[in-house]
Amino acid sequence: MIRCIQDAITAYRRDGGDRDGRPTIGALIAACSASGLTAARGGPVTRYTVCQALKLTGLS
């Protein structure tokens, strides 16, 4: 999930030109869900799981 989030942030920065910005939490959830990822215990990707991943990477 962290790699998916990092890829989505990289694409957002590349396409939008905002070097310090990041997509909304909803856009990150959609990107992870579209790539077929699930949460740690097999559940859906939620706001909570994305926020936890952002905390782990130091991006929140």
C-alpha atoms as a PDB file:
ATOM      1  CA  MET A   1       0.000   0.000   0.000  1.00  0.00           C
ATOM      2  CA  ILE A   2       2.824   2.394   0.782  1.00  0.00           C
ATOM      3  CA  ARG A   3       4.297   1.904  -2.688  1.00  0.00           C
ATOM      4  CA  CYS A   4       0.904   2.596  -4.274  1.00  0.00           C
ATOM      5  CA  ILE A   5       0.531   5.783  -2.239  1.00  0.00           C
ATOM      6  CA  GLN A   6       4.041   6.911  -3.153  1.00  0.00           C
ATOM      7  CA  ASP A   7       3.336   6.243  -6.841  1.00  0.00           C
ATOM      8  CA  ALA A   8       0.092   8.232  -6.641  1.00  0.00           C
ATOM      9  CA  ILE A   9       1.856  11.153  -4.954  1.00  0.00           C
ATOM     10  CA  THR A  10       4.655  11.070  -7.532  1.00  0.00           C
ATOM     11  CA  ALA A  11       2.143  11.083 -10.387  1.00  0.00           C
ATOM     12  CA  TYR A  12       0.195  13.924  -8.760  1.00  0.00           C
ATOM     13  CA  ARG A  13       3.333  16.018  -8.391  1.00  0.00           C
ATOM     14  CA  ARG A  14       4.506  15.226 -11.909  1.00  0.00           C
ATOM     15  CA  ASP A  15       1.164  15.974 -13.561  1.00  0.00           C
ATOM     16  CA  GLY A  16       0.141  18.941 -11.433  1.00  0.00           C
ATOM     17  CA  GLY A  17       3.474  20.611 -11.019  1.00  0.00           C
ATOM     18  CA  ASP A  18       2.952  21.046  -7.263  1.00  0.00           C
ATOM     19  CA  ARG A  19       6.223  19.717  -5.881  1.00  0.00           C
ATOM     20  CA  ASP A  20       5.124  19.722  -2.226  1.00  0.00           C
ATOM     21  CA  GLY A  21       1.467  18.764  -2.621  1.00  0.00           C
ATOM     22  CA  ARG A  22      -0.283  15.452  -2.474  1.00  0.00           C
ATOM     23  CA  PRO A  23      -3.644  14.159  -3.653  1.00  0.00           C
ATOM     24  CA  THR A  24      -6.624  14.051  -1.340  1.00  0.00           C
ATOM     25  CA  ILE A  25      -7.164  11.055   0.914  1.00  0.00           C
ATOM     26  CA  GLY A  26     -10.104  10.062  -1.296  1.00  0.00           C
ATOM     27  CA  ALA A  27      -7.880  10.028  -4.373  1.00  0.00           C
ATOM     28  CA  LEU A  28      -5.317   7.875  -2.569  1.00  0.00           C
ATOM     29  CA  ILE A  29      -8.045   5.442  -1.482  1.00  0.00           C
ATOM     30  CA  ALA A  30      -9.290   5.249  -5.068  1.00  0.00           C
ATOM     31  CA  ALA A  31      -5.766   4.637  -6.402  1.00  0.00           C
ATOM     32  CA  CYS A  32      -5.132   1.809  -3.933  1.00  0.00           C
ATOM     33  CA  SER A  33      -8.535   0.240  -4.538  1.00  0.00           C
ATOM     34  CA  ALA A  34      -8.126   0.468  -8.308  1.00  0.00           C
ATOM     35  CA  SER A  35      -4.829  -1.384  -8.105  1.00  0.00           C
ATOM     36  CA  GLY A  36      -6.524  -4.249  -6.271  1.00  0.00           C
ATOM     37  CA  LEU A  37      -4.978  -3.709  -2.865  1.00  0.00           C
ATOM     38  CA  THR A  38      -6.682  -4.678   0.357  1.00  0.00           C
ATOM     39  CA  ALA A  39      -6.075  -3.682   3.944  1.00  0.00           C
ATOM     40  CA  ALA A  40      -3.791  -5.764   6.160  1.00  0.00           C
ATOM     41  CA  ARG A  41      -6.512  -8.216   7.211  1.00  0.00           C
ATOM     42  CA  GLY A  42      -8.134  -8.495   3.815  1.00  0.00           C
ATOM     43  CA  GLY A  43     -10.688  -5.727   4.232  1.00  0.00           C
ATOM     44  CA  PRO A  44     -11.234  -2.750   1.962  1.00  0.00           C
ATOM     45  CA  VAL A  45      -8.844   0.186   1.828  1.00  0.00           C
ATOM     46  CA  THR A  46     -10.315   2.913   4.018  1.00  0.00           C
ATOM     47  CA  ARG A  47      -9.434   6.410   5.128  1.00  0.00           C
ATOM     48  CA  TYR A  48      -7.950   4.940   8.294  1.00  0.00           C
ATOM     49  CA  THR A  49      -5.613   2.532   6.466  1.00  0.00           C
ATOM     50  CA  VAL A  50      -4.379   5.265   4.119  1.00  0.00           C
ATOM     51  CA  CYS A  51      -3.807   7.654   7.040  1.00  0.00           C
ATOM     52  CA  GLN A  52      -1.850   4.957   8.905  1.00  0.00           C
ATOM     53  CA  ALA A  53       0.321   4.356   5.833  1.00  0.00           C
ATOM     54  CA  LEU A  54       0.942   8.097   5.520  1.00  0.00           C
ATOM     55  CA  LYS A  55       2.002   8.203   9.176  1.00  0.00           C
ATOM     56  CA  LEU A  56       4.412   5.302   8.626  1.00  0.00           C
ATOM     57  CA  THR A  57       6.032   7.116   5.715  1.00  0.00           C
ATOM     58  CA  GLY A  58       6.138  10.424   7.557  1.00  0.00           C
ATOM     59  CA  LEU A  59       3.894  12.153   5.029  1.00  0.00           C
ATOM     60  CA  SER A  60       0.952  12.969   7.292  1.00  0.00           C
END
